[in-house]
């Protein structure tokens, strides 16, 4: 199956994934094909062997199609859409409408607040960086608009469900 994979704000790359047998896969990226063995070795940890070299990757799901992947010390914020989902997404209207309240999905520490209350943001723009499970997670704005409320400060520890920020769409004036 083919997927369009992109890093937030980046250009999409078509990645082909074919399971050859249990734990053995063929990947094709930019015309190159490689075979890898992969096994889940923990709740979010995958052990990958490619050409005799072993790698570990931490993968945390972010919504229906998003993933944070930590591999070789590099954190990637990825989105992967299969062909059907990509076509449906292109024809669907936005789900998030009106005032949006964004809460912490899990306990963590606020590493950085990227915008001030009253700031205009674009859809997908990172507003807060929250560290959870030793990974930094950029929490994006679900809509374009104005940050009308910030519920956290840098350095603060939050519980799951805590208010991070509120974004309201601009007035249609």
N, C-alpha and C. Protein backbone atom coordinates (compact mmCIF):
# COMPACT_ATOMS: atom_id res chain seq x y z
N UNK A 1 0.85 -1.17 0.00
CA UNK A 1 0.00 0.00 0.00
C UNK A 1 0.89 1.24 0.00
N UNK A 2 0.49 2.26 -0.72
CA UNK A 2 1.24 3.51 -0.78
C UNK A 2 0.67 4.52 0.22
N UNK A 3 1.58 5.29 0.81
CA UNK A 3 1.22 6.34 1.75
C UNK A 3 1.92 7.62 1.34
N UNK A 4 1.25 8.75 1.55
CA UNK A 4 1.91 10.04 1.41
C UNK A 4 2.38 10.42 2.80
N UNK A 5 3.70 10.55 2.97
CA UNK A 5 4.28 10.85 4.26
C UNK A 5 4.94 12.21 4.17
N UNK A 6 4.65 13.05 5.17
CA UNK A 6 5.28 14.37 5.19
C UNK A 6 5.58 14.76 6.62
N UNK A 7 6.65 15.55 6.76
CA UNK A 7 6.93 16.15 8.05
C UNK A 7 6.14 17.44 8.08
N UNK A 8 5.64 17.82 9.26
CA UNK A 8 4.78 19.00 9.36
C UNK A 8 5.36 20.16 8.56
N UNK A 9 4.55 20.67 7.65
CA UNK A 9 4.96 21.81 6.85
C UNK A 9 5.86 21.44 5.68
N UNK A 10 6.19 20.18 5.54
CA UNK A 10 7.11 19.77 4.48
C UNK A 10 6.40 19.16 3.30
N UNK A 11 7.19 18.84 2.31
CA UNK A 11 6.66 18.23 1.08
C UNK A 11 6.40 16.75 1.31
N UNK A 12 5.33 16.25 0.72
CA UNK A 12 4.96 14.85 0.88
C UNK A 12 5.82 13.95 0.00
N UNK A 13 6.15 12.78 0.51
CA UNK A 13 6.88 11.76 -0.21
C UNK A 13 6.02 10.51 -0.24
N UNK A 14 5.96 9.85 -1.38
CA UNK A 14 5.20 8.61 -1.48
C UNK A 14 6.08 7.47 -0.98
N UNK A 15 5.55 6.74 0.00
CA UNK A 15 6.25 5.60 0.59
C UNK A 15 5.40 4.37 0.36
N UNK A 16 6.00 3.37 -0.27
CA UNK A 16 5.31 2.10 -0.48
C UNK A 16 5.68 1.14 0.64
N UNK A 17 4.69 0.45 1.17
CA UNK A 17 4.92 -0.51 2.24
C UNK A 17 4.22 -1.82 1.89
N UNK A 18 5.02 -2.88 1.85
CA UNK A 18 4.47 -4.18 1.51
C UNK A 18 4.99 -5.19 2.52
N UNK A 19 4.07 -5.91 3.19
CA UNK A 19 4.48 -6.94 4.14
C UNK A 19 4.75 -8.21 3.35
N UNK A 20 6.01 -8.69 3.41
CA UNK A 20 6.40 -9.89 2.70
C UNK A 20 6.07 -11.14 3.50
N UNK A 21 6.28 -11.06 4.79
CA UNK A 21 5.93 -12.11 5.74
C UNK A 21 5.88 -11.44 7.11
N UNK A 22 5.50 -12.19 8.13
CA UNK A 22 5.36 -11.58 9.44
C UNK A 22 6.69 -10.95 9.90
N UNK A 23 6.65 -9.63 10.12
CA UNK A 23 7.84 -8.91 10.58
C UNK A 23 8.84 -8.56 9.51
N UNK A 24 8.57 -8.92 8.25
CA UNK A 24 9.50 -8.65 7.15
C UNK A 24 8.78 -7.79 6.11
N UNK A 25 9.37 -6.62 5.79
CA UNK A 25 8.68 -5.65 4.94
C UNK A 25 9.59 -5.18 3.81
N UNK A 26 8.93 -4.73 2.75
CA UNK A 26 9.62 -4.07 1.65
C UNK A 26 9.14 -2.62 1.63
N UNK A 27 10.09 -1.69 1.70
CA UNK A 27 9.78 -0.26 1.66
C UNK A 27 10.34 0.32 0.38
N UNK A 28 9.57 1.19 -0.26
CA UNK A 28 10.09 1.91 -1.41
C UNK A 28 9.88 3.40 -1.16
N UNK A 29 11.00 4.13 -1.26
CA UNK A 29 10.99 5.57 -1.04
C UNK A 29 11.83 6.21 -2.14
N UNK A 30 11.26 7.17 -2.83
CA UNK A 30 11.98 7.89 -3.89
C UNK A 30 12.67 6.94 -4.88
N UNK A 31 11.98 5.88 -5.28
CA UNK A 31 12.52 4.96 -6.26
C UNK A 31 13.49 3.93 -5.72
N UNK A 32 13.85 4.02 -4.44
CA UNK A 32 14.74 3.04 -3.82
C UNK A 32 13.91 2.04 -3.04
N UNK A 33 14.24 0.77 -3.15
CA UNK A 33 13.54 -0.28 -2.43
C UNK A 33 14.50 -0.93 -1.45
N UNK A 34 14.05 -1.07 -0.21
CA UNK A 34 14.84 -1.76 0.80
C UNK A 34 13.94 -2.77 1.52
N UNK A 35 14.58 -3.77 2.08
CA UNK A 35 13.85 -4.74 2.88
C UNK A 35 14.31 -4.61 4.31
N UNK A 36 13.34 -4.63 5.23
CA UNK A 36 13.63 -4.48 6.65
C UNK A 36 12.86 -5.52 7.45
N UNK A 37 13.43 -5.86 8.59
CA UNK A 37 12.73 -6.66 9.59
C UNK A 37 12.36 -5.69 10.70
N UNK A 38 11.14 -5.79 11.20
CA UNK A 38 10.69 -4.89 12.25
C UNK A 38 9.85 -5.66 13.25
N UNK A 39 10.08 -5.34 14.54
CA UNK A 39 9.32 -5.97 15.60
C UNK A 39 9.07 -4.95 16.69
N UNK A 40 7.89 -5.00 17.26
CA UNK A 40 7.55 -4.10 18.36
C UNK A 40 8.18 -4.69 19.62
N UNK A 41 9.04 -3.90 20.29
CA UNK A 41 9.73 -4.41 21.48
C UNK A 41 9.28 -3.71 22.76
N UNK A 42 8.27 -2.89 22.66
CA UNK A 42 7.70 -2.19 23.80
C UNK A 42 6.46 -1.47 23.34
N UNK A 43 5.75 -0.80 24.26
CA UNK A 43 4.50 -0.14 23.86
C UNK A 43 4.68 0.87 22.72
N UNK A 44 5.81 1.56 22.69
CA UNK A 44 6.04 2.55 21.63
C UNK A 44 7.39 2.35 20.94
N UNK A 45 8.06 1.24 21.22
CA UNK A 45 9.41 1.03 20.70
C UNK A 45 9.40 -0.07 19.64
N UNK A 46 10.06 0.21 18.52
CA UNK A 46 10.20 -0.76 17.44
C UNK A 46 11.68 -1.01 17.20
N UNK A 47 12.02 -2.27 17.01
CA UNK A 47 13.37 -2.67 16.67
C UNK A 47 13.37 -2.95 15.17
N UNK A 48 14.28 -2.31 14.45
CA UNK A 48 14.32 -2.41 13.00
C UNK A 48 15.71 -2.87 12.56
N UNK A 49 15.75 -3.86 11.66
CA UNK A 49 17.02 -4.33 11.11
C UNK A 49 16.97 -4.13 9.61
N UNK A 50 18.00 -3.41 9.10
CA UNK A 50 18.11 -3.15 7.66
C UNK A 50 19.56 -3.36 7.28
N UNK A 51 19.80 -4.27 6.36
CA UNK A 51 21.15 -4.57 5.87
C UNK A 51 22.12 -4.87 7.01
N UNK A 52 21.66 -5.65 7.99
CA UNK A 52 22.52 -6.05 9.11
C UNK A 52 22.69 -5.01 10.21
N UNK A 53 22.12 -3.83 10.04
CA UNK A 53 22.22 -2.78 11.06
C UNK A 53 20.91 -2.70 11.82
N UNK A 54 21.03 -2.55 13.15
CA UNK A 54 19.84 -2.49 13.99
C UNK A 54 19.60 -1.05 14.45
N UNK A 55 18.33 -0.65 14.41
CA UNK A 55 17.91 0.66 14.87
C UNK A 55 16.75 0.48 15.83
N UNK A 56 16.59 1.44 16.72
CA UNK A 56 15.38 1.47 17.54
C UNK A 56 14.67 2.77 17.24
N UNK A 57 13.37 2.68 17.16
CA UNK A 57 12.55 3.86 16.91
C UNK A 57 11.43 3.91 17.94
N UNK A 58 11.20 5.09 18.49
CA UNK A 58 10.05 5.30 19.37
C UNK A 58 8.99 5.97 18.52
N UNK A 59 7.79 5.41 18.53
CA UNK A 59 6.70 5.93 17.70
C UNK A 59 5.51 6.20 18.60
N UNK A 60 5.07 7.45 18.59
CA UNK A 60 3.89 7.83 19.36
C UNK A 60 2.84 8.36 18.39
N UNK A 61 1.65 7.75 18.43
CA UNK A 61 0.59 8.19 17.53
C UNK A 61 0.07 9.54 17.98
N UNK A 62 -0.20 10.40 17.01
CA UNK A 62 -0.73 11.74 17.25
C UNK A 62 -1.98 11.92 16.40
N UNK A 63 -3.09 11.53 16.92
CA UNK A 63 -4.33 11.63 16.15
C UNK A 63 -4.44 10.49 15.15
N UNK A 64 -5.37 10.64 14.24
CA UNK A 64 -5.67 9.56 13.31
C UNK A 64 -4.53 9.27 12.33
N UNK A 65 -3.78 10.28 11.92
CA UNK A 65 -2.78 10.08 10.88
C UNK A 65 -1.40 10.62 11.24
N UNK A 66 -1.27 11.16 12.44
CA UNK A 66 0.00 11.77 12.84
C UNK A 66 0.83 10.85 13.71
N UNK A 67 2.15 11.02 13.61
CA UNK A 67 3.09 10.22 14.37
C UNK A 67 4.27 11.08 14.75
N UNK A 68 4.74 10.94 15.99
CA UNK A 68 6.03 11.48 16.38
C UNK A 68 6.97 10.29 16.39
N UNK A 69 8.08 10.40 15.66
CA UNK A 69 9.03 9.30 15.55
C UNK A 69 10.39 9.81 16.02
N UNK A 70 10.96 9.13 17.02
CA UNK A 70 12.30 9.45 17.51
C UNK A 70 13.21 8.33 17.07
N UNK A 71 14.17 8.68 16.20
CA UNK A 71 15.11 7.68 15.69
C UNK A 71 16.47 8.35 15.54
N UNK A 72 17.49 7.69 16.05
CA UNK A 72 18.87 8.19 16.00
C UNK A 72 18.97 9.61 16.55
N UNK A 73 18.23 9.88 17.61
CA UNK A 73 18.28 11.19 18.26
C UNK A 73 17.53 12.29 17.54
N UNK A 74 16.86 11.96 16.48
CA UNK A 74 16.11 12.96 15.72
C UNK A 74 14.62 12.73 15.88
N UNK A 75 13.89 13.80 16.25
CA UNK A 75 12.45 13.72 16.42
C UNK A 75 11.77 14.23 15.15
N UNK A 76 10.93 13.40 14.58
CA UNK A 76 10.19 13.76 13.37
C UNK A 76 8.70 13.79 13.69
N UNK A 77 8.03 14.85 13.27
CA UNK A 77 6.58 14.96 13.40
C UNK A 77 6.01 14.62 12.02
N UNK A 78 5.46 13.43 11.87
CA UNK A 78 5.05 12.95 10.56
C UNK A 78 3.54 12.80 10.45
N UNK A 79 3.08 12.91 9.22
CA UNK A 79 1.70 12.60 8.89
C UNK A 79 1.74 11.60 7.75
N UNK A 80 0.95 10.52 7.88
CA UNK A 80 0.92 9.50 6.85
C UNK A 80 -0.52 9.25 6.43
N UNK A 81 -0.79 9.45 5.15
CA UNK A 81 -2.14 9.24 4.62
C UNK A 81 -2.09 8.19 3.53
N UNK A 82 -2.98 7.19 3.65
CA UNK A 82 -3.09 6.25 2.54
C UNK A 82 -3.85 6.95 1.42
N UNK A 83 -3.86 6.34 0.23
CA UNK A 83 -4.45 7.01 -0.94
C UNK A 83 -5.93 7.35 -0.74
N UNK A 84 -6.69 6.45 -0.16
CA UNK A 84 -8.13 6.68 0.04
C UNK A 84 -8.36 7.84 1.00
N UNK A 85 -7.64 7.83 2.13
CA UNK A 85 -7.79 8.90 3.13
C UNK A 85 -7.39 10.24 2.55
N UNK A 86 -6.30 10.27 1.77
CA UNK A 86 -5.84 11.52 1.16
C UNK A 86 -6.91 12.09 0.24
N UNK A 87 -7.54 11.23 -0.56
CA UNK A 87 -8.60 11.70 -1.46
C UNK A 87 -9.81 12.21 -0.68
N UNK A 88 -10.19 11.49 0.37
CA UNK A 88 -11.32 11.94 1.20
C UNK A 88 -11.00 13.25 1.91
N UNK A 89 -9.79 13.39 2.39
CA UNK A 89 -9.40 14.61 3.11
C UNK A 89 -9.44 15.82 2.18
N UNK A 90 -9.09 15.61 0.93
CA UNK A 90 -9.10 16.71 -0.03
C UNK A 90 -10.50 17.18 -0.38
N UNK A 91 -11.49 16.31 -0.20
CA UNK A 91 -12.85 16.68 -0.56
C UNK A 91 -13.71 17.07 0.64
N UNK A 92 -13.21 16.81 1.84
CA UNK A 92 -14.01 17.08 3.04
C UNK A 92 -13.83 18.52 3.52
N UNK A 93 -14.86 19.03 4.15
CA UNK A 93 -14.75 20.36 4.76
C UNK A 93 -14.10 20.19 6.13
N UNK A 94 -13.50 21.25 6.67
CA UNK A 94 -12.84 21.14 7.96
C UNK A 94 -13.82 20.71 9.05
N UNK A 95 -13.33 19.88 9.96
CA UNK A 95 -14.16 19.42 11.06
C UNK A 95 -14.17 20.46 12.18
N UNK A 96 -13.03 21.06 12.44
CA UNK A 96 -12.93 22.03 13.53
C UNK A 96 -13.50 23.37 13.09
N UNK A 97 -14.59 23.78 13.73
CA UNK A 97 -15.20 25.07 13.43
C UNK A 97 -15.50 25.78 14.74
N UNK A 98 -15.49 27.10 14.71
CA UNK A 98 -15.81 27.88 15.90
C UNK A 98 -14.68 27.84 16.91
N UNK A 99 -14.99 28.29 18.12
CA UNK A 99 -14.03 28.35 19.22
C UNK A 99 -13.51 26.94 19.53
N UNK A 100 -12.19 26.80 19.65
CA UNK A 100 -11.56 25.50 19.92
C UNK A 100 -10.79 25.55 21.24
N UNK A 101 -11.12 24.64 22.13
CA UNK A 101 -10.41 24.51 23.41
C UNK A 101 -9.47 23.32 23.28
N UNK A 102 -8.19 23.54 23.54
CA UNK A 102 -7.19 22.48 23.40
C UNK A 102 -6.70 22.10 24.79
N UNK A 103 -6.81 20.80 25.10
CA UNK A 103 -6.42 20.29 26.41
C UNK A 103 -5.26 19.31 26.26
N UNK A 104 -4.51 19.11 27.35
CA UNK A 104 -3.43 18.14 27.37
C UNK A 104 -4.01 16.74 27.28
N UNK A 105 -3.48 15.93 26.38
CA UNK A 105 -3.96 14.56 26.24
C UNK A 105 -3.41 13.66 27.34
N UNK A 106 -2.27 14.06 27.94
CA UNK A 106 -1.65 13.27 29.00
C UNK A 106 -0.87 14.22 29.91
N UNK A 107 -0.49 13.77 31.09
CA UNK A 107 0.31 14.63 31.98
C UNK A 107 1.65 14.96 31.34
N UNK A 108 2.18 16.12 31.68
CA UNK A 108 3.47 16.51 31.14
C UNK A 108 3.94 17.83 31.69
N UNK A 109 5.05 18.30 31.16
CA UNK A 109 5.65 19.57 31.57
C UNK A 109 5.66 20.51 30.37
N UNK A 110 5.23 21.74 30.59
CA UNK A 110 5.22 22.74 29.52
C UNK A 110 6.66 23.22 29.32
N UNK A 111 7.23 22.89 28.18
CA UNK A 111 8.60 23.27 27.87
C UNK A 111 8.64 24.69 27.32
N UNK A 112 7.67 25.02 26.46
CA UNK A 112 7.68 26.34 25.82
C UNK A 112 6.27 26.72 25.41
N UNK A 113 5.98 28.00 25.55
CA UNK A 113 4.75 28.58 25.01
C UNK A 113 5.21 29.48 23.85
N UNK A 114 4.83 29.12 22.63
CA UNK A 114 5.35 29.80 21.44
C UNK A 114 4.67 31.12 21.10
N UNK A 115 3.48 31.35 21.63
CA UNK A 115 2.74 32.56 21.29
C UNK A 115 2.16 33.19 22.56
N UNK A 116 1.85 34.46 22.48
CA UNK A 116 1.24 35.17 23.60
C UNK A 116 -0.27 35.19 23.42
N UNK A 117 -0.97 35.39 24.53
CA UNK A 117 -2.42 35.54 24.45
C UNK A 117 -2.72 36.74 23.55
N UNK A 118 -3.68 36.59 22.65
CA UNK A 118 -4.03 37.64 21.71
C UNK A 118 -3.34 37.51 20.37
N UNK A 119 -2.39 36.58 20.27
CA UNK A 119 -1.64 36.39 19.02
C UNK A 119 -2.50 35.67 17.98
N UNK A 120 -2.28 36.03 16.71
CA UNK A 120 -2.93 35.33 15.61
C UNK A 120 -2.10 34.10 15.27
N UNK A 121 -2.78 32.98 15.01
CA UNK A 121 -2.09 31.74 14.64
C UNK A 121 -2.73 31.17 13.39
N UNK A 122 -1.97 30.35 12.68
CA UNK A 122 -2.49 29.65 11.52
C UNK A 122 -2.84 28.22 11.94
N UNK A 123 -3.68 27.57 11.15
CA UNK A 123 -4.02 26.18 11.43
C UNK A 123 -2.74 25.35 11.37
N UNK A 124 -2.50 24.55 12.40
CA UNK A 124 -1.33 23.69 12.44
C UNK A 124 -0.10 24.33 13.06
N UNK A 125 -0.16 25.63 13.36
CA UNK A 125 0.97 26.32 13.98
C UNK A 125 1.14 25.84 15.41
N UNK A 126 2.38 25.55 15.81
CA UNK A 126 2.67 25.10 17.17
C UNK A 126 2.43 26.21 18.17
N UNK A 127 1.63 25.95 19.18
CA UNK A 127 1.32 26.95 20.21
C UNK A 127 2.06 26.63 21.50
N UNK A 128 2.05 25.37 21.91
CA UNK A 128 2.67 24.94 23.16
C UNK A 128 3.52 23.71 22.87
N UNK A 129 4.67 23.60 23.55
CA UNK A 129 5.47 22.38 23.48
C UNK A 129 5.38 21.73 24.85
N UNK A 130 4.88 20.50 24.86
CA UNK A 130 4.64 19.75 26.09
C UNK A 130 5.53 18.52 26.10
N UNK A 131 6.30 18.34 27.17
CA UNK A 131 7.13 17.15 27.30
C UNK A 131 6.34 16.09 28.05
N UNK A 132 6.20 14.94 27.43
CA UNK A 132 5.51 13.81 28.05
C UNK A 132 6.26 12.54 27.67
N UNK A 133 6.47 11.67 28.60
CA UNK A 133 7.18 10.40 28.36
C UNK A 133 8.53 10.64 27.69
N UNK A 134 9.25 11.66 28.15
CA UNK A 134 10.59 12.01 27.67
C UNK A 134 10.62 12.44 26.21
N UNK A 135 9.45 12.80 25.67
CA UNK A 135 9.39 13.29 24.29
C UNK A 135 8.73 14.66 24.29
N UNK A 136 9.27 15.57 23.49
CA UNK A 136 8.65 16.88 23.34
C UNK A 136 7.61 16.82 22.23
N UNK A 137 6.40 17.27 22.56
CA UNK A 137 5.28 17.22 21.62
C UNK A 137 4.80 18.64 21.36
N UNK A 138 4.85 19.05 20.11
CA UNK A 138 4.35 20.36 19.75
C UNK A 138 2.83 20.26 19.59
N UNK A 139 2.11 21.09 20.34
CA UNK A 139 0.66 21.08 20.30
C UNK A 139 0.22 22.19 19.34
N UNK A 140 -0.37 21.81 18.20
CA UNK A 140 -0.73 22.80 17.18
C UNK A 140 -2.12 23.39 17.38
N UNK A 141 -2.34 24.53 16.75
CA UNK A 141 -3.67 25.13 16.73
C UNK A 141 -4.52 24.35 15.74
N UNK A 142 -5.73 23.95 16.14
CA UNK A 142 -6.59 23.19 15.22
C UNK A 142 -7.21 24.06 14.13
N UNK A 143 -7.21 25.38 14.33
CA UNK A 143 -7.79 26.31 13.35
C UNK A 143 -6.94 27.57 13.26
N UNK A 144 -7.15 28.34 12.21
CA UNK A 144 -6.55 29.67 12.13
C UNK A 144 -7.41 30.60 12.98
N UNK A 145 -6.78 31.49 13.72
CA UNK A 145 -7.54 32.40 14.55
C UNK A 145 -6.68 33.14 15.53
N UNK A 146 -7.28 33.51 16.65
CA UNK A 146 -6.61 34.28 17.69
C UNK A 146 -6.61 33.46 18.98
N UNK A 147 -5.45 33.39 19.64
CA UNK A 147 -5.35 32.71 20.93
C UNK A 147 -5.99 33.63 21.97
N UNK A 148 -7.17 33.24 22.43
CA UNK A 148 -7.90 34.11 23.38
C UNK A 148 -7.61 33.75 24.83
N UNK A 149 -7.02 32.58 25.05
CA UNK A 149 -6.71 32.18 26.43
C UNK A 149 -5.54 31.21 26.43
N UNK A 150 -4.60 31.46 27.32
CA UNK A 150 -3.50 30.52 27.57
C UNK A 150 -3.69 29.99 28.98
N UNK A 151 -3.78 28.68 29.10
CA UNK A 151 -4.02 28.09 30.41
C UNK A 151 -2.77 27.60 31.10
N UNK A 152 -1.59 27.79 30.47
CA UNK A 152 -0.34 27.27 31.03
C UNK A 152 0.78 28.29 30.90
N UNK A 153 1.82 28.06 31.69
CA UNK A 153 3.05 28.86 31.63
C UNK A 153 4.23 27.91 31.45
N UNK A 154 5.32 28.42 30.89
CA UNK A 154 6.52 27.60 30.71
C UNK A 154 7.00 27.09 32.05
N UNK A 155 7.41 25.82 32.06
CA UNK A 155 7.94 25.19 33.28
C UNK A 155 6.88 24.54 34.15
N UNK A 156 5.64 24.78 33.84
CA UNK A 156 4.53 24.26 34.63
C UNK A 156 4.27 22.78 34.31
N UNK A 157 3.88 22.02 35.32
CA UNK A 157 3.47 20.63 35.13
C UNK A 157 1.96 20.59 35.02
N UNK A 158 1.45 19.83 34.05
CA UNK A 158 0.00 19.75 33.85
C UNK A 158 -0.46 18.30 33.90
N UNK A 159 -1.71 18.12 34.25
CA UNK A 159 -2.34 16.80 34.24
C UNK A 159 -3.05 16.60 32.90
N UNK A 160 -3.36 15.37 32.57
CA UNK A 160 -4.16 15.10 31.38
C UNK A 160 -5.51 15.80 31.51
N UNK A 161 -5.97 16.43 30.45
CA UNK A 161 -7.24 17.14 30.48
C UNK A 161 -7.11 18.61 30.87
N UNK A 162 -5.90 19.04 31.25
CA UNK A 162 -5.70 20.45 31.63
C UNK A 162 -5.82 21.36 30.41
N UNK A 163 -6.40 22.52 30.60
CA UNK A 163 -6.53 23.51 29.52
C UNK A 163 -5.16 24.01 29.12
N UNK A 164 -4.82 23.89 27.83
CA UNK A 164 -3.58 24.44 27.31
C UNK A 164 -3.82 25.82 26.71
N UNK A 165 -4.80 25.91 25.79
CA UNK A 165 -5.13 27.20 25.17
C UNK A 165 -6.48 27.13 24.48
N UNK A 166 -7.00 28.32 24.16
CA UNK A 166 -8.26 28.46 23.43
C UNK A 166 -7.98 29.31 22.22
N UNK A 167 -8.48 28.88 21.05
CA UNK A 167 -8.33 29.62 19.80
C UNK A 167 -9.73 29.90 19.25
N UNK A 168 -9.94 31.16 18.86
CA UNK A 168 -11.22 31.52 18.24
C UNK A 168 -10.94 32.00 16.82
N UNK A 169 -11.85 31.65 15.90
CA UNK A 169 -11.65 32.10 14.52
C UNK A 169 -11.78 33.61 14.45
N UNK A 170 -11.15 34.23 13.45
CA UNK A 170 -11.26 35.68 13.32
C UNK A 170 -12.71 36.09 12.99
N UNK A 171 -13.06 37.31 13.40
CA UNK A 171 -14.39 37.83 13.07
C UNK A 171 -14.49 38.03 11.58
N UNK A 172 -15.57 37.58 10.95
CA UNK A 172 -15.73 37.73 9.50
C UNK A 172 -16.20 39.15 9.16
N UNK A 173 -15.36 40.13 9.46
CA UNK A 173 -15.75 41.53 9.23
C UNK A 173 -15.24 42.06 7.92
